[in-house]
Amino acid sequence: MYDGIVQELIDEFGRLPGIGPKSAQRIAFHILQTPSFDVKRLSELLVEVRERVRFCEICGNVAEQERCAICRDPRRNAALICVVEDAKDVAAIERTREFRGLYHVLGGAISPIAGIGPDDLRIAQLMTRLADGTVQEVILATNPNLEGEATASYLSRLLTTMQITVSRLASGLPVGGDLEYADEVTLGRAFEGRRVL
């Protein structure tokens, strides 16, 4: 639609996840039309992130050192590991301030359609972490979708041979939601996970 480099910029933004053509165009024009926008700082930061950020050698979370801040924190409960799909999930759980254990980032979920099997995930590293007997409970916090459920089911079967408690995050109705708008699976999970008051 646009000449040369402007269209190239829009196309590059459009390749980012969650950014559609209109959003890509909006971002590109914001950069072009805002004189105070520090393009040089953005480009330096992108290069610096690529050079400095890595994945924690223990849990797979993003880190600037060999180990992430959570794995380095001696106040965390090493007997409790929360298994998540992505590093973004760690941030979401940390925002709740409810979990004080450690994490294990799988790097995705089992998805036969996408060609992702158990060997493509960080499951072997999880099993190595569990081998020393320190961990007493593993919380499976994979996404409540088909792939996340398949991954949780696979891990649950794998971990039954060990003397470790395996739990799954509860799922059900969101706070502020109306029953009439809930889908059958969500409503069914809410009934399964009900508790006595």
N, C-alpha and C. Protein backbone atom coordinates (compact mmCIF):
# COMPACT_ATOMS: atom_id res chain seq x y z
N MET A 1 0.81 -1.20 0.00
CA MET A 1 0.00 0.00 0.00
C MET A 1 0.85 1.26 0.00
N TYR A 2 1.95 1.24 0.72
CA TYR A 2 2.80 2.42 0.84
C TYR A 2 4.10 2.18 0.09
N ASP A 3 4.80 3.26 -0.18
CA ASP A 3 6.05 3.16 -0.93
C ASP A 3 7.19 2.61 -0.09
N GLY A 4 7.93 1.71 -0.65
CA GLY A 4 9.20 1.24 -0.15
C GLY A 4 9.33 0.94 1.32
N ILE A 5 10.17 1.74 1.96
CA ILE A 5 10.59 1.48 3.33
C ILE A 5 9.45 1.57 4.35
N VAL A 6 8.48 2.43 4.10
CA VAL A 6 7.34 2.54 5.02
C VAL A 6 6.57 1.22 5.03
N GLN A 7 6.33 0.64 3.87
CA GLN A 7 5.64 -0.64 3.80
C GLN A 7 6.48 -1.76 4.41
N GLU A 8 7.79 -1.69 4.23
CA GLU A 8 8.67 -2.68 4.83
C GLU A 8 8.58 -2.63 6.36
N LEU A 9 8.52 -1.40 6.91
CA LEU A 9 8.38 -1.24 8.36
C LEU A 9 7.06 -1.82 8.85
N ILE A 10 5.98 -1.51 8.14
CA ILE A 10 4.66 -2.04 8.49
C ILE A 10 4.67 -3.57 8.42
N ASP A 11 5.28 -4.11 7.38
CA ASP A 11 5.36 -5.57 7.22
C ASP A 11 6.13 -6.22 8.36
N GLU A 12 7.22 -5.59 8.79
CA GLU A 12 8.02 -6.13 9.90
C GLU A 12 7.22 -6.14 11.20
N PHE A 13 6.52 -5.05 11.50
CA PHE A 13 5.69 -5.01 12.70
C PHE A 13 4.58 -6.05 12.61
N GLY A 14 4.05 -6.25 11.40
CA GLY A 14 2.98 -7.22 11.18
C GLY A 14 3.42 -8.66 11.40
N ARG A 15 4.71 -8.92 11.37
CA ARG A 15 5.21 -10.28 11.61
C ARG A 15 5.28 -10.62 13.10
N LEU A 16 5.11 -9.62 13.95
CA LEU A 16 5.12 -9.87 15.39
C LEU A 16 3.81 -10.54 15.80
N PRO A 17 3.87 -11.44 16.80
CA PRO A 17 2.63 -12.12 17.22
C PRO A 17 1.64 -11.14 17.84
N GLY A 18 0.38 -11.29 17.45
CA GLY A 18 -0.67 -10.44 18.01
C GLY A 18 -0.80 -9.08 17.35
N ILE A 19 0.04 -8.80 16.37
CA ILE A 19 -0.01 -7.53 15.67
C ILE A 19 -0.56 -7.78 14.27
N GLY A 20 -1.77 -7.30 14.03
CA GLY A 20 -2.38 -7.44 12.71
C GLY A 20 -1.95 -6.29 11.81
N PRO A 21 -2.44 -6.27 10.57
CA PRO A 21 -2.07 -5.22 9.61
C PRO A 21 -2.39 -3.80 10.10
N LYS A 22 -3.56 -3.62 10.70
CA LYS A 22 -3.93 -2.27 11.16
C LYS A 22 -3.07 -1.81 12.32
N SER A 23 -2.80 -2.71 13.26
CA SER A 23 -1.94 -2.36 14.39
C SER A 23 -0.53 -2.06 13.92
N ALA A 24 -0.04 -2.85 12.98
CA ALA A 24 1.30 -2.63 12.43
C ALA A 24 1.39 -1.26 11.77
N GLN A 25 0.36 -0.91 11.04
CA GLN A 25 0.32 0.40 10.38
C GLN A 25 0.27 1.52 11.43
N ARG A 26 -0.52 1.34 12.47
CA ARG A 26 -0.65 2.34 13.54
C ARG A 26 0.70 2.56 14.24
N ILE A 27 1.41 1.48 14.54
CA ILE A 27 2.72 1.59 15.20
C ILE A 27 3.72 2.31 14.30
N ALA A 28 3.75 1.91 13.04
CA ALA A 28 4.69 2.53 12.09
C ALA A 28 4.43 4.03 11.97
N PHE A 29 3.17 4.41 11.85
CA PHE A 29 2.87 5.84 11.70
C PHE A 29 3.08 6.61 13.01
N HIS A 30 2.93 5.95 14.13
CA HIS A 30 3.24 6.60 15.40
C HIS A 30 4.73 6.96 15.44
N ILE A 31 5.56 6.02 15.02
CA ILE A 31 7.01 6.26 15.00
C ILE A 31 7.34 7.39 14.02
N LEU A 32 6.70 7.38 12.86
CA LEU A 32 6.98 8.41 11.85
C LEU A 32 6.50 9.80 12.26
N GLN A 33 5.37 9.87 12.92
CA GLN A 33 4.74 11.16 13.21
C GLN A 33 5.08 11.76 14.57
N THR A 34 5.77 11.00 15.42
CA THR A 34 6.10 11.49 16.75
C THR A 34 7.58 11.85 16.80
N PRO A 35 7.89 13.14 16.71
CA PRO A 35 9.29 13.56 16.69
C PRO A 35 10.06 13.17 17.95
N SER A 36 9.38 13.08 19.09
CA SER A 36 10.07 12.76 20.34
C SER A 36 10.32 11.26 20.52
N PHE A 37 9.78 10.43 19.61
CA PHE A 37 9.97 8.98 19.74
C PHE A 37 11.45 8.66 19.51
N ASP A 38 12.08 8.00 20.47
CA ASP A 38 13.50 7.70 20.43
C ASP A 38 13.75 6.38 19.68
N VAL A 39 13.85 6.48 18.37
CA VAL A 39 14.04 5.31 17.51
C VAL A 39 15.39 4.67 17.78
N LYS A 40 16.39 5.51 18.01
CA LYS A 40 17.74 4.98 18.25
C LYS A 40 17.76 4.14 19.53
N ARG A 41 17.11 4.62 20.59
CA ARG A 41 17.06 3.87 21.85
C ARG A 41 16.34 2.55 21.65
N LEU A 42 15.24 2.56 20.90
CA LEU A 42 14.49 1.32 20.64
C LEU A 42 15.37 0.32 19.90
N SER A 43 16.08 0.77 18.88
CA SER A 43 16.93 -0.15 18.11
C SER A 43 18.08 -0.68 18.97
N GLU A 44 18.67 0.18 19.81
CA GLU A 44 19.75 -0.26 20.70
C GLU A 44 19.23 -1.29 21.70
N LEU A 45 18.04 -1.04 22.22
CA LEU A 45 17.45 -1.95 23.20
C LEU A 45 17.15 -3.31 22.57
N LEU A 46 16.65 -3.31 21.35
CA LEU A 46 16.37 -4.58 20.66
C LEU A 46 17.65 -5.39 20.47
N VAL A 47 18.73 -4.73 20.06
CA VAL A 47 20.01 -5.41 19.88
C VAL A 47 20.53 -5.92 21.22
N GLU A 48 20.42 -5.08 22.26
CA GLU A 48 20.90 -5.45 23.58
C GLU A 48 20.13 -6.64 24.16
N VAL A 49 18.82 -6.65 23.97
CA VAL A 49 18.01 -7.77 24.44
C VAL A 49 18.44 -9.06 23.76
N ARG A 50 18.67 -9.01 22.46
CA ARG A 50 19.10 -10.19 21.72
C ARG A 50 20.45 -10.71 22.22
N GLU A 51 21.34 -9.79 22.59
CA GLU A 51 22.68 -10.17 23.02
C GLU A 51 22.73 -10.65 24.47
N ARG A 52 21.94 -10.03 25.36
CA ARG A 52 22.08 -10.28 26.79
C ARG A 52 21.09 -11.28 27.38
N VAL A 53 19.90 -11.35 26.84
CA VAL A 53 18.88 -12.20 27.45
C VAL A 53 19.04 -13.63 26.96
N ARG A 54 18.93 -14.54 27.91
CA ARG A 54 19.04 -15.97 27.63
C ARG A 54 17.97 -16.68 28.45
N PHE A 55 18.03 -17.97 28.51
CA PHE A 55 17.08 -18.74 29.30
C PHE A 55 17.82 -19.38 30.47
N CYS A 56 17.20 -19.35 31.63
CA CYS A 56 17.77 -19.89 32.86
C CYS A 56 18.16 -21.36 32.65
N GLU A 57 19.37 -21.69 33.09
CA GLU A 57 19.86 -23.06 32.92
C GLU A 57 19.10 -24.08 33.76
N ILE A 58 18.39 -23.60 34.79
CA ILE A 58 17.64 -24.51 35.65
C ILE A 58 16.18 -24.63 35.21
N CYS A 59 15.48 -23.49 35.15
CA CYS A 59 14.03 -23.55 34.93
C CYS A 59 13.58 -23.19 33.52
N GLY A 60 14.43 -22.50 32.75
CA GLY A 60 14.04 -22.12 31.40
C GLY A 60 13.38 -20.76 31.30
N ASN A 61 13.29 -20.03 32.42
CA ASN A 61 12.72 -18.68 32.42
C ASN A 61 13.73 -17.72 31.78
N VAL A 62 13.26 -16.54 31.35
CA VAL A 62 14.19 -15.57 30.78
C VAL A 62 15.10 -15.03 31.89
N ALA A 63 16.36 -14.78 31.53
CA ALA A 63 17.34 -14.32 32.51
C ALA A 63 18.45 -13.57 31.80
N GLU A 64 19.15 -12.75 32.55
CA GLU A 64 20.35 -12.09 32.01
C GLU A 64 21.61 -12.76 32.52
N GLN A 65 21.46 -13.68 33.45
CA GLN A 65 22.58 -14.46 33.97
C GLN A 65 22.31 -15.93 33.69
N GLU A 66 23.22 -16.80 34.17
CA GLU A 66 23.02 -18.23 33.97
C GLU A 66 21.72 -18.71 34.62
N ARG A 67 21.41 -18.13 35.79
CA ARG A 67 20.19 -18.47 36.51
C ARG A 67 19.30 -17.23 36.63
N CYS A 68 17.99 -17.44 36.58
CA CYS A 68 17.05 -16.32 36.71
C CYS A 68 16.97 -15.87 38.16
N ALA A 69 16.35 -14.74 38.40
CA ALA A 69 16.23 -14.18 39.75
C ALA A 69 15.44 -15.10 40.68
N ILE A 70 14.46 -15.81 40.15
CA ILE A 70 13.64 -16.71 40.98
C ILE A 70 14.47 -17.90 41.44
N CYS A 71 15.23 -18.50 40.55
CA CYS A 71 16.06 -19.65 40.93
C CYS A 71 17.20 -19.24 41.87
N ARG A 72 17.64 -18.00 41.80
CA ARG A 72 18.71 -17.52 42.69
C ARG A 72 18.19 -17.11 44.06
N ASP A 73 16.88 -16.94 44.22
CA ASP A 73 16.30 -16.46 45.46
C ASP A 73 16.24 -17.57 46.51
N PRO A 74 17.02 -17.48 47.60
CA PRO A 74 17.03 -18.54 48.61
C PRO A 74 15.74 -18.62 49.42
N ARG A 75 14.89 -17.60 49.33
CA ARG A 75 13.64 -17.60 50.09
C ARG A 75 12.55 -18.43 49.41
N ARG A 76 12.76 -18.83 48.16
CA ARG A 76 11.75 -19.62 47.45
C ARG A 76 11.73 -21.05 47.98
N ASN A 77 10.54 -21.68 47.95
CA ASN A 77 10.35 -23.04 48.43
C ASN A 77 10.77 -24.03 47.35
N ALA A 78 11.91 -24.67 47.55
CA ALA A 78 12.47 -25.60 46.55
C ALA A 78 11.70 -26.91 46.48
N ALA A 79 10.80 -27.15 47.42
CA ALA A 79 10.02 -28.40 47.43
C ALA A 79 8.78 -28.31 46.53
N LEU A 80 8.56 -27.14 45.95
CA LEU A 80 7.36 -26.88 45.16
C LEU A 80 7.76 -26.35 43.78
N ILE A 81 7.35 -27.03 42.72
CA ILE A 81 7.65 -26.58 41.35
C ILE A 81 6.34 -26.42 40.59
N CYS A 82 6.19 -25.27 39.97
CA CYS A 82 5.04 -24.97 39.12
C CYS A 82 5.49 -25.09 37.66
N VAL A 83 4.87 -25.99 36.93
CA VAL A 83 5.23 -26.23 35.53
C VAL A 83 4.33 -25.39 34.63
N VAL A 84 4.95 -24.55 33.80
CA VAL A 84 4.21 -23.68 32.89
C VAL A 84 4.70 -23.89 31.46
N GLU A 85 3.94 -23.39 30.51
CA GLU A 85 4.31 -23.55 29.10
C GLU A 85 5.38 -22.55 28.68
N ASP A 86 5.19 -21.27 29.04
CA ASP A 86 6.08 -20.21 28.57
C ASP A 86 6.52 -19.30 29.70
N ALA A 87 7.58 -18.54 29.46
CA ALA A 87 8.09 -17.58 30.45
C ALA A 87 7.04 -16.51 30.77
N LYS A 88 6.16 -16.21 29.82
CA LYS A 88 5.09 -15.23 30.08
C LYS A 88 4.17 -15.72 31.19
N ASP A 89 4.01 -17.05 31.30
CA ASP A 89 3.16 -17.62 32.34
C ASP A 89 3.77 -17.41 33.72
N VAL A 90 5.10 -17.44 33.80
CA VAL A 90 5.78 -17.18 35.08
C VAL A 90 5.42 -15.78 35.55
N ALA A 91 5.51 -14.81 34.65
CA ALA A 91 5.19 -13.42 35.00
C ALA A 91 3.74 -13.29 35.47
N ALA A 92 2.83 -13.98 34.81
CA ALA A 92 1.41 -13.92 35.19
C ALA A 92 1.20 -14.47 36.59
N ILE A 93 1.82 -15.59 36.90
CA ILE A 93 1.66 -16.19 38.23
C ILE A 93 2.34 -15.33 39.30
N GLU A 94 3.50 -14.79 38.97
CA GLU A 94 4.22 -13.93 39.93
C GLU A 94 3.41 -12.69 40.29
N ARG A 95 2.63 -12.18 39.35
CA ARG A 95 1.80 -11.00 39.63
C ARG A 95 0.77 -11.26 40.72
N THR A 96 0.37 -12.52 40.89
CA THR A 96 -0.62 -12.85 41.92
C THR A 96 -0.03 -12.80 43.33
N ARG A 97 1.27 -12.95 43.45
CA ARG A 97 1.97 -12.99 44.75
C ARG A 97 1.47 -14.13 45.65
N GLU A 98 0.92 -15.17 45.04
CA GLU A 98 0.38 -16.32 45.78
C GLU A 98 1.34 -17.51 45.82
N PHE A 99 2.26 -17.58 44.88
CA PHE A 99 3.13 -18.75 44.75
C PHE A 99 4.55 -18.39 45.15
N ARG A 100 5.14 -19.17 46.06
CA ARG A 100 6.49 -18.88 46.54
C ARG A 100 7.47 -20.02 46.24
N GLY A 101 7.09 -20.91 45.35
CA GLY A 101 7.97 -22.01 44.97
C GLY A 101 8.82 -21.64 43.76
N LEU A 102 9.30 -22.66 43.07
CA LEU A 102 10.11 -22.48 41.87
C LEU A 102 9.27 -22.85 40.63
N TYR A 103 9.81 -22.58 39.47
CA TYR A 103 9.10 -22.83 38.22
C TYR A 103 9.89 -23.78 37.33
N HIS A 104 9.18 -24.31 36.35
CA HIS A 104 9.82 -25.03 35.26
C HIS A 104 9.07 -24.67 33.98
N VAL A 105 9.77 -24.05 33.05
CA VAL A 105 9.18 -23.61 31.78
C VAL A 105 9.42 -24.68 30.73
N LEU A 106 8.34 -25.22 30.19
CA LEU A 106 8.45 -26.31 29.20
C LEU A 106 8.89 -25.82 27.83
N GLY A 107 8.56 -24.58 27.51
CA GLY A 107 8.88 -24.07 26.17
C GLY A 107 7.81 -24.41 25.15
N GLY A 108 6.59 -24.60 25.61
CA GLY A 108 5.48 -24.90 24.72
C GLY A 108 4.59 -25.98 25.30
N ALA A 109 3.78 -26.58 24.44
CA ALA A 109 2.86 -27.63 24.85
C ALA A 109 2.81 -28.70 23.76
N ILE A 110 2.44 -29.90 24.15
CA ILE A 110 2.32 -30.99 23.19
C ILE A 110 1.21 -30.66 22.20
N SER A 111 1.56 -30.71 20.92
CA SER A 111 0.59 -30.40 19.87
C SER A 111 0.91 -31.24 18.63
N PRO A 112 0.28 -32.40 18.49
CA PRO A 112 0.56 -33.25 17.33
C PRO A 112 0.30 -32.53 16.00
N ILE A 113 -0.70 -31.66 15.97
CA ILE A 113 -1.01 -30.93 14.73
C ILE A 113 0.15 -30.04 14.31
N ALA A 114 0.80 -29.40 15.30
CA ALA A 114 1.94 -28.52 15.01
C ALA A 114 3.25 -29.30 14.98
N GLY A 115 3.18 -30.61 15.19
CA GLY A 115 4.39 -31.43 15.16
C GLY A 115 5.25 -31.30 16.41
N ILE A 116 4.64 -30.90 17.54
CA ILE A 116 5.38 -30.75 18.79
C ILE A 116 5.04 -31.92 19.71
N GLY A 117 6.05 -32.72 19.99
CA GLY A 117 5.88 -33.86 20.87
C GLY A 117 6.60 -33.64 22.19
N PRO A 118 6.53 -34.60 23.11
CA PRO A 118 7.19 -34.48 24.41
C PRO A 118 8.70 -34.22 24.32
N ASP A 119 9.33 -34.80 23.30
CA ASP A 119 10.79 -34.64 23.15
C ASP A 119 11.17 -33.22 22.73
N ASP A 120 10.22 -32.45 22.24
CA ASP A 120 10.49 -31.07 21.82
C ASP A 120 10.38 -30.08 22.98
N LEU A 121 9.92 -30.56 24.12
CA LEU A 121 9.74 -29.71 25.29
C LEU A 121 10.82 -30.01 26.33
N ARG A 122 10.89 -29.21 27.37
CA ARG A 122 11.91 -29.37 28.42
C ARG A 122 11.43 -30.35 29.50
N ILE A 123 10.90 -31.48 29.06
CA ILE A 123 10.40 -32.49 30.00
C ILE A 123 11.56 -33.29 30.60
N ALA A 124 12.56 -33.62 29.81
CA ALA A 124 13.73 -34.36 30.32
C ALA A 124 14.43 -33.55 31.41
N GLN A 125 14.52 -32.23 31.23
CA GLN A 125 15.14 -31.37 32.24
C GLN A 125 14.31 -31.36 33.53
N LEU A 126 12.98 -31.40 33.38
CA LEU A 126 12.11 -31.47 34.55
C LEU A 126 12.36 -32.76 35.32
N MET A 127 12.43 -33.87 34.61
CA MET A 127 12.65 -35.16 35.26
C MET A 127 14.00 -35.19 35.99
N THR A 128 15.00 -34.55 35.41
CA THR A 128 16.31 -34.45 36.06
C THR A 128 16.22 -33.65 37.35
N ARG A 129 15.45 -32.56 37.33
CA ARG A 129 15.27 -31.74 38.53
C ARG A 129 14.56 -32.51 39.63
N LEU A 130 13.65 -33.39 39.26
CA LEU A 130 12.86 -34.13 40.24
C LEU A 130 13.58 -35.34 40.81
N ALA A 131 14.65 -35.76 40.15
CA ALA A 131 15.33 -37.00 40.52
C ALA A 131 15.98 -36.98 41.90
N ASP A 132 16.38 -35.82 42.41
CA ASP A 132 17.12 -35.80 43.68
C ASP A 132 16.22 -35.89 44.92
N GLY A 133 14.90 -35.86 44.75
CA GLY A 133 13.99 -36.04 45.87
C GLY A 133 13.66 -34.79 46.66
N THR A 134 14.17 -33.64 46.26
CA THR A 134 13.89 -32.39 46.97
C THR A 134 12.45 -31.95 46.77
N VAL A 135 11.94 -32.12 45.56
CA VAL A 135 10.60 -31.63 45.22
C VAL A 135 9.54 -32.57 45.77
N GLN A 136 8.56 -31.99 46.46
CA GLN A 136 7.47 -32.77 47.04
C GLN A 136 6.16 -32.62 46.28
N GLU A 137 6.00 -31.48 45.58
CA GLU A 137 4.77 -31.26 44.80
C GLU A 137 5.09 -30.57 43.49
N VAL A 138 4.44 -31.03 42.45
CA VAL A 138 4.52 -30.40 41.13
C VAL A 138 3.12 -29.90 40.79
N ILE A 139 3.02 -28.61 40.51
CA ILE A 139 1.74 -28.01 40.12
C ILE A 139 1.77 -27.84 38.61
N LEU A 140 0.83 -28.46 37.92
CA LEU A 140 0.75 -28.35 36.47
C LEU A 140 -0.11 -27.14 36.13
N ALA A 141 0.52 -26.12 35.59
CA ALA A 141 -0.17 -24.87 35.28
C ALA A 141 -0.14 -24.60 33.77
N THR A 142 -0.39 -25.64 32.99
CA THR A 142 -0.46 -25.46 31.54
C THR A 142 -1.80 -24.82 31.20
N ASN A 143 -1.90 -24.27 30.02
CA ASN A 143 -3.11 -23.57 29.60
C ASN A 143 -4.31 -24.53 29.54
N PRO A 144 -5.50 -24.01 29.86
CA PRO A 144 -6.70 -24.87 29.82
C PRO A 144 -7.27 -25.00 28.41
N ASN A 145 -6.43 -25.42 27.47
CA ASN A 145 -6.88 -25.67 26.10
C ASN A 145 -6.47 -27.10 25.73
N LEU A 146 -6.74 -27.50 24.52
CA LEU A 146 -6.47 -28.87 24.10
C LEU A 146 -5.01 -29.27 24.28
N GLU A 147 -4.10 -28.41 23.85
CA GLU A 147 -2.67 -28.70 23.95
C GLU A 147 -2.20 -28.72 25.40
N GLY A 148 -2.67 -27.74 26.19
CA GLY A 148 -2.29 -27.67 27.59
C GLY A 148 -2.80 -28.87 28.38
N GLU A 149 -4.02 -29.30 28.06
CA GLU A 149 -4.59 -30.47 28.73
C GLU A 149 -3.82 -31.74 28.35
N ALA A 150 -3.45 -31.85 27.08
CA ALA A 150 -2.68 -33.02 26.64
C ALA A 150 -1.32 -33.06 27.34
N THR A 151 -0.71 -31.90 27.49
CA THR A 151 0.59 -31.80 28.16
C THR A 151 0.46 -32.16 29.64
N ALA A 152 -0.56 -31.62 30.30
CA ALA A 152 -0.79 -31.92 31.72
C ALA A 152 -1.07 -33.40 31.93
N SER A 153 -1.84 -33.99 31.05
CA SER A 153 -2.17 -35.41 31.14
C SER A 153 -0.91 -36.27 30.97
N TYR A 154 -0.09 -35.91 29.99
CA TYR A 154 1.16 -36.64 29.74
C TYR A 154 2.08 -36.55 30.96
N LEU A 155 2.24 -35.35 31.49
CA LEU A 155 3.12 -35.16 32.66
C LEU A 155 2.57 -35.88 33.89
N SER A 156 1.27 -35.85 34.07
CA SER A 156 0.65 -36.52 35.20
C SER A 156 0.94 -38.02 35.16
N ARG A 157 0.79 -38.62 34.00
CA ARG A 157 1.08 -40.05 33.85
C ARG A 157 2.57 -40.33 34.09
N LEU A 158 3.41 -39.45 33.61
CA LEU A 158 4.86 -39.62 33.75
C LEU A 158 5.29 -39.52 35.21
N LEU A 159 4.64 -38.64 35.97
CA LEU A 159 5.04 -38.38 37.35
C LEU A 159 4.41 -39.32 38.37
N THR A 160 3.45 -40.16 37.95
CA THR A 160 2.81 -41.08 38.90
C THR A 160 3.78 -42.10 39.45
N THR A 161 4.86 -42.37 38.74
CA THR A 161 5.85 -43.35 39.21
C THR A 161 6.73 -42.79 40.32
N MET A 162 6.71 -41.47 40.51
CA MET A 162 7.56 -40.85 41.53
C MET A 162 6.75 -40.58 42.80
N GLN A 163 7.43 -40.43 43.90
CA GLN A 163 6.77 -40.14 45.17
C GLN A 163 6.58 -38.62 45.31
N ILE A 164 5.83 -38.04 44.37
CA ILE A 164 5.61 -36.59 44.33
C ILE A 164 4.12 -36.34 44.17
N THR A 165 3.60 -35.37 44.90
CA THR A 165 2.20 -34.97 44.74
C THR A 165 2.10 -34.17 43.44
N VAL A 166 1.15 -34.53 42.59
CA VAL A 166 0.92 -33.80 41.33
C VAL A 166 -0.45 -33.15 41.41
N SER A 167 -0.49 -31.83 41.22
CA SER A 167 -1.76 -31.11 41.25
C SER A 167 -1.90 -30.29 39.97
N ARG A 168 -3.10 -29.85 39.73
CA ARG A 168 -3.40 -29.06 38.52
C ARG A 168 -4.11 -27.80 38.98
N LEU A 169 -3.79 -26.68 38.36
CA LEU A 169 -4.49 -25.44 38.69
C LEU A 169 -5.97 -25.62 38.43
N ALA A 170 -6.78 -25.09 39.32
CA ALA A 170 -8.23 -25.14 39.14
C ALA A 170 -8.62 -24.24 37.97
N SER A 171 -9.69 -24.60 37.32
CA SER A 171 -10.21 -23.74 36.26
C SER A 171 -11.72 -23.71 36.38
N GLY A 172 -12.31 -22.66 35.91
CA GLY A 172 -13.76 -22.52 36.02
C GLY A 172 -14.20 -21.13 35.67
N LEU A 173 -15.17 -20.63 36.39
CA LEU A 173 -15.77 -19.34 36.07
C LEU A 173 -14.91 -18.17 36.52
N PRO A 174 -14.75 -17.17 35.68
CA PRO A 174 -13.98 -15.98 36.08
C PRO A 174 -14.81 -15.12 37.02
N VAL A 175 -14.13 -14.40 37.90
CA VAL A 175 -14.81 -13.47 38.80
C VAL A 175 -15.46 -12.38 37.96
N GLY A 176 -16.71 -12.09 38.24
CA GLY A 176 -17.43 -11.07 37.48
C GLY A 176 -18.12 -11.60 36.23
N GLY A 177 -17.97 -12.91 35.96
CA GLY A 177 -18.60 -13.48 34.78
C GLY A 177 -20.04 -13.91 35.06
N ASP A 178 -20.81 -14.05 34.01
CA ASP A 178 -22.19 -14.50 34.12
C ASP A 178 -22.29 -15.94 33.63
N LEU A 179 -23.08 -16.75 34.34
CA LEU A 179 -23.23 -18.16 33.97
C LEU A 179 -23.75 -18.33 32.55
N GLU A 180 -24.64 -17.46 32.13
CA GLU A 180 -25.24 -17.63 30.80
C GLU A 180 -24.22 -17.50 29.67
N TYR A 181 -23.09 -16.84 29.94
CA TYR A 181 -22.07 -16.65 28.90
C TYR A 181 -20.95 -17.68 28.96
N ALA A 182 -20.97 -18.54 29.97
CA ALA A 182 -19.91 -19.54 30.12
C ALA A 182 -20.13 -20.69 29.15
N ASP A 183 -19.05 -21.18 28.54
CA ASP A 183 -19.17 -22.33 27.66
C ASP A 183 -19.30 -23.60 28.51
N GLU A 184 -19.66 -24.70 27.88
CA GLU A 184 -19.94 -25.94 28.59
C GLU A 184 -18.72 -26.48 29.31
N VAL A 185 -17.55 -26.39 28.68
CA VAL A 185 -16.33 -26.92 29.29
C VAL A 185 -15.98 -26.14 30.55
N THR A 186 -16.04 -24.82 30.47
CA THR A 186 -15.73 -23.97 31.62
C THR A 186 -16.71 -24.22 32.76
N LEU A 187 -17.99 -24.31 32.43
CA LEU A 187 -19.01 -24.55 33.44
C LEU A 187 -18.84 -25.94 34.06
N GLY A 188 -18.50 -26.92 33.24
CA GLY A 188 -18.24 -28.27 33.74
C GLY A 188 -17.06 -28.30 34.69
N ARG A 189 -16.00 -27.57 34.35
CA ARG A 189 -14.81 -27.50 35.21
C ARG A 189 -15.16 -26.81 36.53
N ALA A 190 -16.02 -25.81 36.48
CA ALA A 190 -16.42 -25.11 37.70
C ALA A 190 -17.14 -26.07 38.65
N PHE A 191 -17.98 -26.97 38.08
CA PHE A 191 -18.66 -27.94 38.91
C PHE A 191 -17.67 -28.96 39.49
N GLU A 192 -16.73 -29.41 38.67
CA GLU A 192 -15.72 -30.38 39.13
C GLU A 192 -14.87 -29.79 40.26
N GLY A 193 -14.53 -28.52 40.14
CA GLY A 193 -13.62 -27.90 41.11
C GLY A 193 -14.34 -27.20 42.25
N ARG A 194 -15.62 -27.46 42.43
CA ARG A 194 -16.35 -26.77 43.50
C ARG A 194 -15.78 -27.16 44.86
N ARG A 195 -15.96 -26.26 45.84
CA ARG A 195 -15.48 -26.53 47.19
C ARG A 195 -16.54 -26.20 48.21
N VAL A 196 -16.43 -26.83 49.36
CA VAL A 196 -17.38 -26.63 50.44
C VAL A 196 -17.09 -25.30 51.11
N LEU A 197 -18.14 -24.54 51.39
CA LEU A 197 -17.97 -23.24 52.05
C LEU A 197 -18.20 -23.36 53.54
